[in-house]
N, C-alpha and C. Protein backbone atom coordinates (compact mmCIF):
# COMPACT_ATOMS: atom_id res chain seq x y z
N UNK A 1 0.82 -1.16 0.00
CA UNK A 1 -0.02 0.01 -0.05
C UNK A 1 0.92 1.24 0.00
N UNK A 2 0.44 2.29 -0.72
CA UNK A 2 1.24 3.49 -0.77
C UNK A 2 0.79 4.43 0.32
N UNK A 3 1.78 5.11 0.87
CA UNK A 3 1.54 6.21 1.94
C UNK A 3 2.36 7.40 1.47
N UNK A 4 1.82 8.51 1.87
CA UNK A 4 2.55 9.80 1.68
C UNK A 4 3.00 10.20 3.08
N UNK A 5 4.32 10.45 3.26
CA UNK A 5 4.82 11.05 4.40
C UNK A 5 5.02 12.52 4.18
N UNK A 6 4.30 13.32 4.95
CA UNK A 6 4.48 14.76 4.79
C UNK A 6 5.38 15.28 5.90
N UNK A 7 6.44 15.89 5.49
CA UNK A 7 7.57 16.40 6.34
C UNK A 7 7.10 17.78 6.83
N UNK A 8 6.85 17.93 8.10
CA UNK A 8 6.34 19.18 8.65
C UNK A 8 7.42 19.80 9.59
N UNK A 9 7.56 21.17 9.49
CA UNK A 9 8.52 21.80 10.38
C UNK A 9 8.28 23.32 10.28
N UNK A 10 9.05 24.04 11.08
CA UNK A 10 9.05 25.48 11.09
C UNK A 10 10.13 26.00 10.18
N UNK A 11 9.58 26.72 9.14
CA UNK A 11 10.53 27.16 8.10
C UNK A 11 11.52 28.13 8.64
N UNK A 12 11.18 28.86 9.71
CA UNK A 12 12.08 29.78 10.23
C UNK A 12 13.36 29.15 10.85
N UNK A 13 13.13 27.93 11.37
CA UNK A 13 14.33 27.20 11.89
C UNK A 13 15.26 26.88 10.77
N UNK A 14 14.74 26.48 9.66
CA UNK A 14 15.61 26.16 8.47
C UNK A 14 16.35 27.40 8.00
N UNK A 15 15.54 28.49 7.90
CA UNK A 15 16.10 29.76 7.39
C UNK A 15 17.27 30.26 8.24
N UNK A 16 17.20 29.94 9.61
CA UNK A 16 18.17 30.44 10.47
C UNK A 16 19.31 29.45 10.68
N UNK A 17 19.25 28.25 10.08
CA UNK A 17 20.20 27.25 10.28
C UNK A 17 21.60 27.66 9.56
N UNK A 18 22.67 27.38 10.27
CA UNK A 18 23.92 27.58 9.72
C UNK A 18 24.36 26.45 8.73
N UNK A 19 25.44 26.60 8.07
CA UNK A 19 25.96 25.56 7.16
C UNK A 19 26.06 24.20 7.73
N UNK A 20 26.62 24.07 9.00
CA UNK A 20 26.87 22.81 9.61
C UNK A 20 25.46 22.17 9.95
N UNK A 21 24.56 22.90 10.33
CA UNK A 21 23.28 22.37 10.68
C UNK A 21 22.53 21.88 9.41
N UNK A 22 22.68 22.64 8.32
CA UNK A 22 22.07 22.21 7.08
C UNK A 22 22.71 20.94 6.52
N UNK A 23 24.03 20.90 6.58
CA UNK A 23 24.73 19.66 6.24
C UNK A 23 24.28 18.50 6.95
N UNK A 24 24.06 18.59 8.26
CA UNK A 24 23.63 17.48 9.05
C UNK A 24 22.17 17.07 8.67
N UNK A 25 21.36 18.03 8.33
CA UNK A 25 20.00 17.67 7.85
C UNK A 25 20.04 16.99 6.50
N UNK A 26 20.87 17.47 5.63
CA UNK A 26 21.03 16.79 4.29
C UNK A 26 21.50 15.41 4.47
N UNK A 27 22.50 15.18 5.32
CA UNK A 27 23.02 13.81 5.61
C UNK A 27 21.98 12.93 6.15
N UNK A 28 21.07 13.48 6.97
CA UNK A 28 19.95 12.64 7.48
C UNK A 28 19.02 12.24 6.46
N UNK A 29 18.72 13.19 5.52
CA UNK A 29 17.89 12.78 4.36
C UNK A 29 18.55 11.79 3.41
N UNK A 30 19.80 11.87 3.26
CA UNK A 30 20.54 10.91 2.41
C UNK A 30 20.44 9.47 3.07
N UNK A 31 20.62 9.40 4.38
CA UNK A 31 20.51 8.16 5.11
C UNK A 31 19.07 7.55 4.92
N UNK A 32 18.07 8.47 5.06
CA UNK A 32 16.73 8.10 4.93
C UNK A 32 16.43 7.58 3.52
N UNK A 33 16.93 8.21 2.59
CA UNK A 33 16.80 7.78 1.16
C UNK A 33 17.47 6.36 0.90
N UNK A 34 18.57 6.19 1.52
CA UNK A 34 19.25 4.90 1.34
C UNK A 34 18.37 3.78 1.98
N UNK A 35 17.80 4.06 3.14
CA UNK A 35 16.96 3.08 3.85
C UNK A 35 15.74 2.73 2.95
N UNK A 36 15.07 3.70 2.39
CA UNK A 36 13.95 3.45 1.52
C UNK A 36 14.26 2.66 0.38
N UNK A 37 15.41 3.01 -0.31
CA UNK A 37 15.86 2.30 -1.48
C UNK A 37 16.22 0.83 -1.14
N UNK A 38 16.91 0.61 0.02
CA UNK A 38 17.24 -0.71 0.41
C UNK A 38 16.01 -1.60 0.64
N UNK A 39 14.94 -1.02 1.00
CA UNK A 39 13.69 -1.77 1.27
C UNK A 39 12.76 -1.74 0.06
N UNK A 40 13.19 -1.16 -1.00
CA UNK A 40 12.37 -1.02 -2.20
C UNK A 40 11.07 -0.34 -1.91
N UNK A 41 11.12 0.68 -1.08
CA UNK A 41 9.96 1.41 -0.65
C UNK A 41 9.79 2.81 -1.25
N UNK A 42 10.81 3.33 -1.86
CA UNK A 42 10.85 4.67 -2.44
C UNK A 42 10.06 4.74 -3.64
N UNK A 43 9.04 5.63 -3.60
CA UNK A 43 8.18 5.84 -4.78
C UNK A 43 8.16 7.29 -5.22
N UNK A 44 9.13 8.09 -4.69
CA UNK A 44 9.29 9.44 -5.13
C UNK A 44 9.00 10.44 -3.99
N UNK A 45 9.30 11.66 -4.22
CA UNK A 45 9.04 12.76 -3.19
C UNK A 45 9.84 13.97 -3.66
N UNK A 46 9.61 15.06 -2.96
CA UNK A 46 10.20 16.35 -3.34
C UNK A 46 10.20 17.27 -2.08
N UNK A 47 11.19 18.12 -2.13
CA UNK A 47 11.14 19.26 -1.17
C UNK A 47 10.22 20.30 -1.77
N UNK A 48 9.54 21.04 -0.98
CA UNK A 48 8.66 22.12 -1.45
C UNK A 48 9.24 23.48 -1.16
N UNK A 49 9.03 24.44 -2.07
CA UNK A 49 9.47 25.78 -1.87
C UNK A 49 8.77 26.34 -0.50
N UNK A 50 9.32 27.36 0.03
CA UNK A 50 8.73 27.89 1.25
C UNK A 50 7.23 28.27 1.07
N UNK A 51 6.53 28.18 2.16
CA UNK A 51 5.05 28.41 2.04
C UNK A 51 4.62 29.81 1.62
N UNK A 52 5.59 30.75 1.76
CA UNK A 52 5.25 32.16 1.27
C UNK A 52 5.26 32.16 -0.19
N UNK A 53 5.67 31.17 -0.87
CA UNK A 53 5.57 31.19 -2.39
C UNK A 53 4.37 30.59 -2.92
N UNK A 54 3.48 30.14 -2.02
CA UNK A 54 2.24 29.42 -2.34
C UNK A 54 1.23 30.35 -2.99
N UNK A 55 0.34 29.81 -3.85
CA UNK A 55 -0.77 30.60 -4.38
C UNK A 55 -1.96 29.63 -4.11
N UNK A 56 -3.04 30.38 -3.60
CA UNK A 56 -4.25 29.60 -3.19
C UNK A 56 -5.34 30.01 -4.18
N UNK A 57 -6.03 29.05 -4.72
CA UNK A 57 -7.17 29.24 -5.69
C UNK A 57 -8.41 28.72 -4.93
N UNK A 58 -9.42 29.60 -4.63
CA UNK A 58 -10.65 29.25 -3.99
C UNK A 58 -11.75 29.45 -4.94
N UNK A 59 -12.63 28.50 -5.01
CA UNK A 59 -13.81 28.63 -5.89
C UNK A 59 -15.05 28.95 -4.99
N UNK A 60 -15.86 29.82 -5.32
CA UNK A 60 -17.10 30.10 -4.67
C UNK A 60 -18.19 30.34 -5.73
N UNK A 61 -18.82 29.23 -6.00
CA UNK A 61 -19.78 29.27 -7.13
C UNK A 61 -19.01 29.51 -8.44
N UNK A 62 -19.40 30.53 -9.16
CA UNK A 62 -18.75 30.92 -10.42
C UNK A 62 -17.54 31.79 -10.21
N UNK A 63 -17.31 32.27 -8.92
CA UNK A 63 -16.19 33.13 -8.68
C UNK A 63 -14.96 32.34 -8.34
N UNK A 64 -13.81 32.87 -8.77
CA UNK A 64 -12.45 32.26 -8.44
C UNK A 64 -11.74 33.39 -7.73
N UNK A 65 -11.22 33.02 -6.57
CA UNK A 65 -10.36 34.02 -5.80
C UNK A 65 -9.00 33.46 -5.71
N UNK A 66 -8.03 34.29 -6.15
CA UNK A 66 -6.59 33.85 -6.10
C UNK A 66 -5.92 34.74 -5.13
N UNK A 67 -5.19 34.12 -4.18
CA UNK A 67 -4.42 34.89 -3.17
C UNK A 67 -3.06 34.36 -3.07
N UNK A 68 -2.10 35.16 -2.73
CA UNK A 68 -0.68 34.78 -2.52
C UNK A 68 -0.61 34.35 -1.06
N UNK A 69 0.36 33.45 -0.85
CA UNK A 69 0.70 33.00 0.47
C UNK A 69 0.00 31.61 0.78
N UNK A 70 0.37 31.13 1.96
CA UNK A 70 -0.15 29.82 2.30
C UNK A 70 -1.70 29.82 2.58
N UNK A 71 -2.33 28.65 2.52
CA UNK A 71 -3.73 28.46 2.80
C UNK A 71 -4.10 28.97 4.21
N UNK A 72 -3.24 28.52 5.15
CA UNK A 72 -3.52 28.88 6.56
C UNK A 72 -2.19 29.37 7.21
N UNK A 73 -2.35 30.35 8.05
CA UNK A 73 -1.20 30.73 8.87
C UNK A 73 -0.96 29.70 9.92
N UNK A 74 0.26 29.20 10.03
CA UNK A 74 0.61 28.20 10.99
C UNK A 74 2.11 28.34 11.35
N UNK A 75 2.44 27.77 12.53
CA UNK A 75 3.86 27.87 12.94
C UNK A 75 4.62 26.75 12.26
N UNK A 76 3.98 25.66 11.79
CA UNK A 76 4.65 24.61 11.06
C UNK A 76 4.05 24.52 9.64
N UNK A 77 4.90 24.20 8.70
CA UNK A 77 4.53 24.14 7.33
C UNK A 77 5.02 22.78 6.75
N UNK A 78 4.29 22.35 5.66
CA UNK A 78 4.74 21.16 4.97
C UNK A 78 5.94 21.52 4.09
N UNK A 79 7.10 21.00 4.40
CA UNK A 79 8.30 21.29 3.65
C UNK A 79 8.61 20.33 2.55
N UNK A 80 7.97 19.26 2.52
CA UNK A 80 8.16 18.25 1.46
C UNK A 80 7.35 16.99 1.65
N UNK A 81 7.49 16.03 0.78
CA UNK A 81 6.75 14.85 0.95
C UNK A 81 7.57 13.62 0.29
N UNK A 82 7.24 12.43 0.80
CA UNK A 82 7.84 11.26 0.30
C UNK A 82 6.77 10.26 0.18
N UNK A 83 6.70 9.53 -1.02
CA UNK A 83 5.70 8.53 -1.19
C UNK A 83 6.42 7.22 -0.98
N UNK A 84 5.87 6.34 -0.11
CA UNK A 84 6.53 5.07 0.21
C UNK A 84 5.60 3.94 -0.09
N UNK A 85 6.08 2.76 -0.44
CA UNK A 85 5.30 1.54 -0.55
C UNK A 85 5.62 0.77 0.81
N UNK A 86 4.58 0.52 1.56
CA UNK A 86 4.66 -0.16 2.81
C UNK A 86 3.60 -1.22 2.92
N UNK A 87 3.96 -2.34 3.60
CA UNK A 87 2.98 -3.37 3.66
C UNK A 87 1.78 -3.05 4.53
N UNK A 88 1.95 -2.08 5.46
CA UNK A 88 0.83 -1.72 6.35
C UNK A 88 1.19 -0.41 7.10
N UNK A 89 0.32 0.09 7.86
CA UNK A 89 0.57 1.37 8.59
C UNK A 89 1.78 1.24 9.51
N UNK A 90 2.00 0.08 10.12
CA UNK A 90 3.14 -0.10 10.99
C UNK A 90 4.47 0.13 10.19
N UNK A 91 4.56 -0.38 9.11
CA UNK A 91 5.82 -0.18 8.30
C UNK A 91 5.89 1.28 7.92
N UNK A 92 4.80 1.92 7.54
CA UNK A 92 4.88 3.33 7.21
C UNK A 92 5.26 4.17 8.45
N UNK A 93 4.81 3.78 9.67
CA UNK A 93 5.30 4.45 10.84
C UNK A 93 6.77 4.23 11.13
N UNK A 94 7.25 3.02 10.81
CA UNK A 94 8.62 2.73 10.88
C UNK A 94 9.49 3.68 9.94
N UNK A 95 8.98 3.88 8.80
CA UNK A 95 9.68 4.76 7.86
C UNK A 95 9.58 6.15 8.32
N UNK A 96 8.45 6.62 8.88
CA UNK A 96 8.29 8.00 9.45
C UNK A 96 9.20 8.18 10.58
N UNK A 97 9.39 7.21 11.39
CA UNK A 97 10.32 7.33 12.56
C UNK A 97 11.80 7.55 12.14
N UNK A 98 12.18 7.09 10.95
CA UNK A 98 13.49 7.19 10.42
C UNK A 98 13.60 8.47 9.63
N UNK A 99 12.57 9.12 9.29
CA UNK A 99 12.64 10.36 8.55
C UNK A 99 13.25 11.50 9.41
N UNK A 100 14.17 12.25 8.83
CA UNK A 100 14.83 13.30 9.60
C UNK A 100 13.94 14.51 9.97
N UNK A 101 12.72 14.62 9.40
CA UNK A 101 11.91 15.71 9.74
C UNK A 101 11.43 15.55 11.17
N UNK A 102 11.24 16.68 11.86
CA UNK A 102 10.78 16.53 13.26
C UNK A 102 9.36 16.04 13.43
N UNK A 103 8.52 16.32 12.53
CA UNK A 103 7.13 15.92 12.58
C UNK A 103 6.84 15.36 11.13
N UNK A 104 6.14 14.14 11.14
CA UNK A 104 5.76 13.52 9.88
C UNK A 104 4.26 13.12 10.03
N UNK A 105 3.53 13.64 9.08
CA UNK A 105 2.09 13.23 8.89
C UNK A 105 2.04 12.10 7.91
N UNK A 106 1.39 11.03 8.19
CA UNK A 106 1.27 9.88 7.29
C UNK A 106 -0.13 9.82 6.76
N UNK A 107 -0.26 9.71 5.41
CA UNK A 107 -1.59 9.59 4.84
C UNK A 107 -1.58 8.43 3.87
N UNK A 108 -2.55 7.54 3.89
CA UNK A 108 -2.66 6.49 2.89
C UNK A 108 -3.07 7.17 1.55
N UNK A 109 -2.50 6.57 0.48
CA UNK A 109 -2.85 7.01 -0.85
C UNK A 109 -4.15 6.22 -1.27
N UNK A 110 -5.07 6.93 -1.84
CA UNK A 110 -6.23 6.21 -2.42
C UNK A 110 -5.90 5.81 -3.82
N UNK A 111 -6.03 4.51 -3.99
CA UNK A 111 -5.74 3.97 -5.33
C UNK A 111 -7.00 3.35 -5.93
N UNK A 112 -7.39 3.88 -7.06
CA UNK A 112 -8.61 3.42 -7.70
C UNK A 112 -8.31 2.36 -8.75
N UNK A 113 -9.12 1.36 -8.88
CA UNK A 113 -8.99 0.32 -9.73
C UNK A 113 -9.59 0.70 -11.11
N UNK A 114 -8.94 0.46 -12.22
CA UNK A 114 -9.50 0.57 -13.53
C UNK A 114 -9.51 1.91 -13.96
């Protein structure tokens, strides 16, 4: 079954991180990537641009409202995602525990047949 692991964190912490801190984070992501590949669980993923670069499109009947910035003001933002193939939620949780992000939200992917 496929799951999406949403990496959640405070963008300000990343913005204020020094070179050594950033290198440590990148090394953690490289270890995580190797783990997923060794288990044949990696189905893709990407880092997302900062939430301030978001554009929100809201539909209200026939009206469309476009606004700059994130959908909701929050102290934590989704910084990226990883799609994994896991046998069940327990294995997805195992992968999330190995993820270097401080907080990981796990969501099953809905797969339609045909």
